[in-house]
Amino acid sequence: MLRKYGWLIAFALLMFLFEGVVMHLIELLTVEYEKCRNMNSVNPLKLVRCSDLNVME
């Protein structure tokens, strides 16, 4: 059974890894600003632009 469907398992894993790499590259290309956490916010886990934090101070 493993011989029969081994190629399918390998293909699915390869596609999963490929999709992860592509999504990572898209994220790197679309985000062009430095991310910081606003600890004075209601949601401090949300990432915001560091330049926006400097203006608030």
N, C-alpha and C. Protein backbone atom coordinates (compact mmCIF):
# COMPACT_ATOMS: atom_id res chain seq x y z
N MET A 1 0.83 -1.20 0.00
CA MET A 1 0.00 0.00 0.00
C MET A 1 0.87 1.26 0.00
N LEU A 2 1.97 1.20 0.77
CA LEU A 2 2.85 2.36 0.82
C LEU A 2 3.52 2.60 -0.53
N ARG A 3 3.86 1.52 -1.21
CA ARG A 3 4.46 1.67 -2.54
C ARG A 3 3.44 2.24 -3.52
N LYS A 4 2.22 1.80 -3.38
CA LYS A 4 1.20 2.23 -4.32
C LYS A 4 0.86 3.71 -4.16
N TYR A 5 0.76 4.17 -2.91
CA TYR A 5 0.35 5.55 -2.68
C TYR A 5 1.46 6.42 -2.08
N GLY A 6 2.67 5.93 -2.07
CA GLY A 6 3.80 6.69 -1.55
C GLY A 6 4.04 7.97 -2.32
N TRP A 7 3.90 7.91 -3.63
CA TRP A 7 4.11 9.09 -4.46
C TRP A 7 3.07 10.16 -4.13
N LEU A 8 1.85 9.75 -3.78
CA LEU A 8 0.79 10.69 -3.45
C LEU A 8 1.09 11.39 -2.12
N ILE A 9 1.59 10.63 -1.15
CA ILE A 9 1.96 11.21 0.14
C ILE A 9 3.12 12.19 -0.03
N ALA A 10 4.12 11.79 -0.82
CA ALA A 10 5.27 12.66 -1.06
C ALA A 10 4.84 13.93 -1.79
N PHE A 11 3.95 13.81 -2.75
CA PHE A 11 3.46 14.96 -3.50
C PHE A 11 2.69 15.92 -2.58
N ALA A 12 1.85 15.38 -1.71
CA ALA A 12 1.08 16.21 -0.80
C ALA A 12 2.00 16.97 0.17
N LEU A 13 3.01 16.29 0.70
CA LEU A 13 3.97 16.96 1.59
C LEU A 13 4.77 18.03 0.86
N LEU A 14 5.15 17.74 -0.37
CA LEU A 14 5.89 18.71 -1.16
C LEU A 14 5.05 19.94 -1.45
N MET A 15 3.78 19.76 -1.76
CA MET A 15 2.88 20.88 -2.02
C MET A 15 2.65 21.70 -0.75
N PHE A 16 2.55 21.03 0.39
CA PHE A 16 2.38 21.72 1.66
C PHE A 16 3.59 22.61 1.94
N LEU A 17 4.79 22.09 1.76
CA LEU A 17 6.01 22.87 1.98
C LEU A 17 6.13 24.01 0.97
N PHE A 18 5.79 23.74 -0.29
CA PHE A 18 5.86 24.76 -1.33
C PHE A 18 4.91 25.90 -1.02
N GLU A 19 3.70 25.58 -0.57
CA GLU A 19 2.73 26.61 -0.24
C GLU A 19 3.22 27.48 0.92
N GLY A 20 3.84 26.86 1.90
CA GLY A 20 4.39 27.61 3.02
C GLY A 20 5.48 28.58 2.59
N VAL A 21 6.35 28.14 1.71
CA VAL A 21 7.43 29.00 1.21
C VAL A 21 6.84 30.15 0.40
N VAL A 22 5.87 29.87 -0.45
CA VAL A 22 5.27 30.91 -1.27
C VAL A 22 4.55 31.94 -0.39
N MET A 23 3.81 31.49 0.60
CA MET A 23 3.11 32.42 1.48
C MET A 23 4.10 33.27 2.27
N HIS A 24 5.21 32.70 2.68
CA HIS A 24 6.22 33.45 3.40
C HIS A 24 6.83 34.52 2.50
N LEU A 25 7.11 34.18 1.26
CA LEU A 25 7.68 35.16 0.32
C LEU A 25 6.69 36.28 0.04
N ILE A 26 5.42 35.95 -0.12
CA ILE A 26 4.41 36.98 -0.36
C ILE A 26 4.32 37.92 0.83
N GLU A 27 4.37 37.38 2.02
CA GLU A 27 4.32 38.21 3.23
C GLU A 27 5.54 39.12 3.30
N LEU A 28 6.71 38.60 2.98
CA LEU A 28 7.92 39.43 3.02
C LEU A 28 7.88 40.54 1.98
N LEU A 29 7.29 40.26 0.82
CA LEU A 29 7.24 41.27 -0.25
C LEU A 29 6.20 42.34 0.01
N THR A 30 5.14 42.02 0.71
CA THR A 30 4.06 42.99 0.90
C THR A 30 4.24 43.85 2.14
N VAL A 31 5.01 43.41 3.12
CA VAL A 31 5.19 44.19 4.36
C VAL A 31 6.50 44.95 4.23
N GLU A 32 6.39 46.28 4.13
CA GLU A 32 7.60 47.07 3.94
C GLU A 32 7.92 47.97 5.13
N TYR A 33 7.22 47.80 6.25
CA TYR A 33 7.49 48.64 7.40
C TYR A 33 7.87 47.79 8.60
N GLU A 34 8.57 48.44 9.53
CA GLU A 34 9.01 47.75 10.73
C GLU A 34 7.83 47.59 11.68
N LYS A 35 7.72 46.41 12.28
CA LYS A 35 6.59 46.12 13.16
C LYS A 35 7.00 46.27 14.62
N CYS A 36 6.11 46.88 15.41
CA CYS A 36 6.33 47.02 16.85
C CYS A 36 5.03 46.69 17.57
N ARG A 37 5.15 46.44 18.85
CA ARG A 37 3.97 46.18 19.68
C ARG A 37 3.64 47.43 20.49
N ASN A 38 2.37 47.82 20.48
CA ASN A 38 1.92 48.96 21.26
C ASN A 38 1.44 48.44 22.61
N MET A 39 2.28 48.57 23.62
CA MET A 39 1.97 48.02 24.94
C MET A 39 0.91 48.83 25.67
N ASN A 40 0.62 50.05 25.24
CA ASN A 40 -0.42 50.88 25.85
C ASN A 40 -1.79 50.63 25.23
N SER A 41 -1.84 49.75 24.27
CA SER A 41 -3.09 49.48 23.55
C SER A 41 -3.94 48.47 24.30
N VAL A 42 -5.20 48.36 23.86
CA VAL A 42 -6.10 47.34 24.41
C VAL A 42 -5.60 45.96 24.03
N ASN A 43 -5.06 45.83 22.83
CA ASN A 43 -4.53 44.56 22.35
C ASN A 43 -3.03 44.72 22.08
N PRO A 44 -2.17 44.47 23.07
CA PRO A 44 -0.73 44.68 22.87
C PRO A 44 -0.09 43.65 21.94
N LEU A 45 -0.80 42.57 21.59
CA LEU A 45 -0.22 41.58 20.69
C LEU A 45 -0.31 42.01 19.23
N LYS A 46 -1.17 42.98 18.94
CA LYS A 46 -1.32 43.45 17.56
C LYS A 46 -0.08 44.25 17.15
N LEU A 47 0.46 43.94 16.00
CA LEU A 47 1.64 44.63 15.51
C LEU A 47 1.23 45.90 14.77
N VAL A 48 1.91 47.01 15.07
CA VAL A 48 1.65 48.29 14.42
C VAL A 48 2.96 48.85 13.89
N ARG A 49 2.85 49.90 13.11
CA ARG A 49 4.06 50.54 12.58
C ARG A 49 4.79 51.27 13.69
N CYS A 50 6.10 51.13 13.71
CA CYS A 50 6.91 51.79 14.73
C CYS A 50 6.85 53.31 14.57
N SER A 51 6.72 53.80 13.35
CA SER A 51 6.64 55.24 13.14
C SER A 51 5.38 55.82 13.75
N ASP A 52 4.28 55.06 13.76
CA ASP A 52 3.04 55.52 14.39
C ASP A 52 3.21 55.62 15.91
N LEU A 53 3.98 54.73 16.50
CA LEU A 53 4.22 54.79 17.94
C LEU A 53 5.07 56.00 18.31
N ASN A 54 6.04 56.33 17.47
CA ASN A 54 6.91 57.48 17.75
C ASN A 54 6.13 58.77 17.69
N VAL A 55 5.12 58.87 16.85
CA VAL A 55 4.30 60.09 16.73
C VAL A 55 3.44 60.24 17.98
N MET A 56 2.95 59.14 18.55
CA MET A 56 2.07 59.19 19.70
C MET A 56 2.79 59.66 20.97
N GLU A 57 4.09 59.43 21.06
CA GLU A 57 4.84 59.78 22.27
C GLU A 57 5.08 61.23 22.38
